[in-house]
Amino acid sequence: MKTDERIRTLHPAGKQGVNIERSKYDLVRRALLRVIPRSSAGVPFVELRELVRPHLEAGGFPPDSSISWYVTAVKQDLEARGEIAQVAGVRPQRLRRTRKGDQ
C-alpha cells in the first residue's frame, strides 16, 4: 500500500476528525460497508475489528497498522456522513447501514 494523499475525517459529535491516508481510509470504508448489515439488528461494534480483518489483509493493509484505531476513525466518519447509524436504544453499541450507505 503506497502512501498518498491524506484526508480529514468527520466526527459524529462535531469534534475534530483525524487526518489519515486516503488509501487506508478507502480500504477500511469498503470493508466496514461490507460487514455492517442493512438489517435493523445491526452488528455489535466490538465485533467490527475481527469482521473487517480478512478484508483488510486481502486488500494489502499494512500488518503493523492498528486496525482498531482505523476502524474507529472511519466508523465515526461514516456515522457523521449518515452512511451508517447506531441502532437506537441498544447497548452495547450496534451499527447498521443506512440508505445513504447503500449508494
C-alpha atoms as a PDB file:
ATOM      1  CA  MET A   1       0.000   0.000   0.000  1.00  0.00           C
ATOM      2  CA  LYS A   2       1.562   3.253  -1.059  1.00  0.00           C
ATOM      3  CA  THR A   3       1.498   6.477   0.914  1.00  0.00           C
ATOM      4  CA  ASP A   4      -0.694   9.014  -0.820  1.00  0.00           C
ATOM      5  CA  GLU A   5      -2.899  11.980  -0.138  1.00  0.00           C
ATOM      6  CA  ARG A   6      -4.433  12.408   3.282  1.00  0.00           C
ATOM      7  CA  ILE A   7      -7.975  13.288   4.225  1.00  0.00           C
ATOM      8  CA  ARG A   8      -9.574  14.729   7.354  1.00  0.00           C
ATOM      9  CA  THR A   9     -12.381  12.561   8.676  1.00  0.00           C
ATOM     10  CA  LEU A  10     -15.582  13.865  10.191  1.00  0.00           C
ATOM     11  CA  HIS A  11     -16.797  13.142  13.718  1.00  0.00           C
ATOM     12  CA  PRO A  12     -20.487  12.488  14.534  1.00  0.00           C
ATOM     13  CA  ALA A  13     -20.356  14.753  17.612  1.00  0.00           C
ATOM     14  CA  GLY A  14     -18.917  17.653  15.620  1.00  0.00           C
ATOM     15  CA  LYS A  15     -15.466  17.228  17.154  1.00  0.00           C
ATOM     16  CA  GLN A  16     -12.342  17.475  15.052  1.00  0.00           C
ATOM     17  CA  GLY A  17     -11.733  14.417  12.896  1.00  0.00           C
ATOM     18  CA  VAL A  18      -8.404  12.754  12.253  1.00  0.00           C
ATOM     19  CA  ASN A  19      -6.023  13.041   9.327  1.00  0.00           C
ATOM     20  CA  ILE A  20      -5.407   9.684   7.608  1.00  0.00           C
ATOM     21  CA  GLU A  21      -4.082   8.367   4.318  1.00  0.00           C
ATOM     22  CA  ARG A  22      -6.831   8.167   1.704  1.00  0.00           C
ATOM     23  CA  SER A  23      -5.801   4.661   0.580  1.00  0.00           C
ATOM     24  CA  LYS A  24      -6.190   3.293   4.125  1.00  0.00           C
ATOM     25  CA  TYR A  25      -9.448   5.219   4.621  1.00  0.00           C
ATOM     26  CA  ASP A  26     -10.892   3.821   1.383  1.00  0.00           C
ATOM     27  CA  LEU A  27      -9.884   0.256   2.243  1.00  0.00           C
ATOM     28  CA  VAL A  28     -11.357   0.417   5.764  1.00  0.00           C
ATOM     29  CA  ARG A  29     -14.519   2.152   4.494  1.00  0.00           C
ATOM     30  CA  ARG A  30     -15.156  -0.561   1.903  1.00  0.00           C
ATOM     31  CA  ALA A  31     -14.545  -3.290   4.490  1.00  0.00           C
ATOM     32  CA  LEU A  32     -16.899  -1.698   7.019  1.00  0.00           C
ATOM     33  CA  LEU A  33     -19.672  -1.269   4.461  1.00  0.00           C
ATOM     34  CA  ARG A  34     -19.269  -4.949   3.516  1.00  0.00           C
ATOM     35  CA  VAL A  35     -19.631  -6.251   7.069  1.00  0.00           C
ATOM     36  CA  ILE A  36     -22.192  -3.835   8.534  1.00  0.00           C
ATOM     37  CA  PRO A  37     -25.639  -5.163   7.609  1.00  0.00           C
ATOM     38  CA  ARG A  38     -28.651  -3.218   6.419  1.00  0.00           C
ATOM     39  CA  SER A  39     -30.860  -5.065   8.901  1.00  0.00           C
ATOM     40  CA  SER A  40     -32.274  -3.236  11.887  1.00  0.00           C
ATOM     41  CA  ALA A  41     -30.447  -5.609  14.261  1.00  0.00           C
ATOM     42  CA  GLY A  42     -27.083  -4.353  13.032  1.00  0.00           C
ATOM     43  CA  VAL A  43     -23.739  -5.703  14.192  1.00  0.00           C
ATOM     44  CA  PRO A  44     -22.011  -5.143  17.541  1.00  0.00           C
ATOM     45  CA  PHE A  45     -19.282  -2.513  17.361  1.00  0.00           C
ATOM     46  CA  VAL A  46     -16.938  -4.752  19.362  1.00  0.00           C
ATOM     47  CA  GLU A  47     -17.020  -7.352  16.553  1.00  0.00           C
ATOM     48  CA  LEU A  48     -16.069  -4.983  13.736  1.00  0.00           C
ATOM     49  CA  ARG A  49     -12.297  -5.307  14.053  1.00  0.00           C
ATOM     50  CA  GLU A  50     -12.366  -9.068  13.572  1.00  0.00           C
ATOM     51  CA  LEU A  51     -15.021  -8.907  10.854  1.00  0.00           C
ATOM     52  CA  VAL A  52     -13.031  -6.452   8.724  1.00  0.00           C
ATOM     53  CA  ARG A  53      -9.605  -8.050   9.319  1.00  0.00           C
ATOM     54  CA  PRO A  54      -9.831 -10.542   6.397  1.00  0.00           C
ATOM     55  CA  HIS A  55     -10.952  -7.789   4.007  1.00  0.00           C
ATOM     56  CA  LEU A  56      -8.100  -5.522   5.089  1.00  0.00           C
ATOM     57  CA  GLU A  57      -5.472  -8.256   4.872  1.00  0.00           C
ATOM     58  CA  ALA A  58      -6.676  -9.210   1.382  1.00  0.00           C
ATOM     59  CA  GLY A  59      -6.503  -5.542   0.368  1.00  0.00           C
ATOM     60  CA  GLY A  60      -2.885  -5.148   1.456  1.00  0.00           C
ATOM     61  CA  PHE A  61      -3.492  -3.243   4.690  1.00  0.00           C
ATOM     62  CA  PRO A  62      -0.126  -2.955   6.492  1.00  0.00           C
ATOM     63  CA  PRO A  63       0.059  -5.635   9.215  1.00  0.00           C
ATOM     64  CA  ASP A  64       1.750  -3.237  11.629  1.00  0.00           C
ATOM     65  CA  SER A  65      -1.141  -0.733  11.464  1.00  0.00           C
ATOM     66  CA  SER A  66      -3.689  -0.525  14.274  1.00  0.00           C
ATOM     67  CA  ILE A  67      -6.868  -1.992  12.824  1.00  0.00           C
ATOM     68  CA  SER A  68      -8.850  -0.902  15.893  1.00  0.00           C
ATOM     69  CA  TRP A  69      -7.807   2.739  15.503  1.00  0.00           C
ATOM     70  CA  TYR A  70      -8.643   2.842  11.797  1.00  0.00           C
ATOM     71  CA  VAL A  71     -11.971   1.045  12.299  1.00  0.00           C
ATOM     72  CA  THR A  72     -12.986   3.538  14.985  1.00  0.00           C
ATOM     73  CA  ALA A  73     -11.908   6.609  12.990  1.00  0.00           C
ATOM     74  CA  VAL A  74     -13.618   5.512   9.772  1.00  0.00           C
ATOM     75  CA  LYS A  75     -16.716   4.287  11.654  1.00  0.00           C
ATOM     76  CA  GLN A  76     -17.111   7.748  13.193  1.00  0.00           C
ATOM     77  CA  ASP A  77     -16.692   9.353   9.774  1.00  0.00           C
ATOM     78  CA  LEU A  78     -19.334   7.078   8.236  1.00  0.00           C
ATOM     79  CA  GLU A  79     -21.700   7.930  11.088  1.00  0.00           C
ATOM     80  CA  ALA A  80     -21.103  11.655  10.570  1.00  0.00           C
ATOM     81  CA  ARG A  81     -21.794  11.266   6.829  1.00  0.00           C
ATOM     82  CA  GLY A  82     -25.005   9.313   7.509  1.00  0.00           C
ATOM     83  CA  GLU A  83     -23.803   6.107   5.809  1.00  0.00           C
ATOM     84  CA  ILE A  84     -24.133   4.048   8.988  1.00  0.00           C
ATOM     85  CA  ALA A  85     -26.069   4.599  12.202  1.00  0.00           C
ATOM     86  CA  GLN A  86     -26.172   3.241  15.711  1.00  0.00           C
ATOM     87  CA  VAL A  87     -29.180   1.071  16.448  1.00  0.00           C
ATOM     88  CA  ALA A  88     -31.273   3.217  18.775  1.00  0.00           C
ATOM     89  CA  GLY A  89     -31.755   2.164  22.379  1.00  0.00           C
ATOM     90  CA  VAL A  90     -29.380  -0.801  22.217  1.00  0.00           C
ATOM     91  CA  ARG A  91     -26.299  -1.352  24.382  1.00  0.00           C
ATOM     92  CA  PRO A  92     -23.633  -2.367  23.779  1.00  0.00           C
ATOM     93  CA  GLN A  93     -23.430  -0.290  20.619  1.00  0.00           C
ATOM     94  CA  ARG A  94     -24.652  -1.917  17.399  1.00  0.00           C
ATOM     95  CA  LEU A  95     -24.347  -0.448  13.910  1.00  0.00           C
ATOM     96  CA  ARG A  96     -26.392  -0.769  10.742  1.00  0.00           C
ATOM     97  CA  ARG A  97     -26.110   0.641   7.236  1.00  0.00           C
ATOM     98  CA  THR A  98     -28.449   3.396   6.175  1.00  0.00           C
ATOM     99  CA  ARG A  99     -29.931   4.001   2.754  1.00  0.00           C
ATOM    100  CA  LYS A 100     -27.236   6.602   2.180  1.00  0.00           C
ATOM    101  CA  GLY A 101     -24.653   3.890   2.867  1.00  0.00           C
ATOM    102  CA  ASP A 102     -26.162   1.794   0.076  1.00  0.00           C
ATOM    103  CA  GLN A 103     -25.305   4.336  -2.586  1.00  0.00           C
END
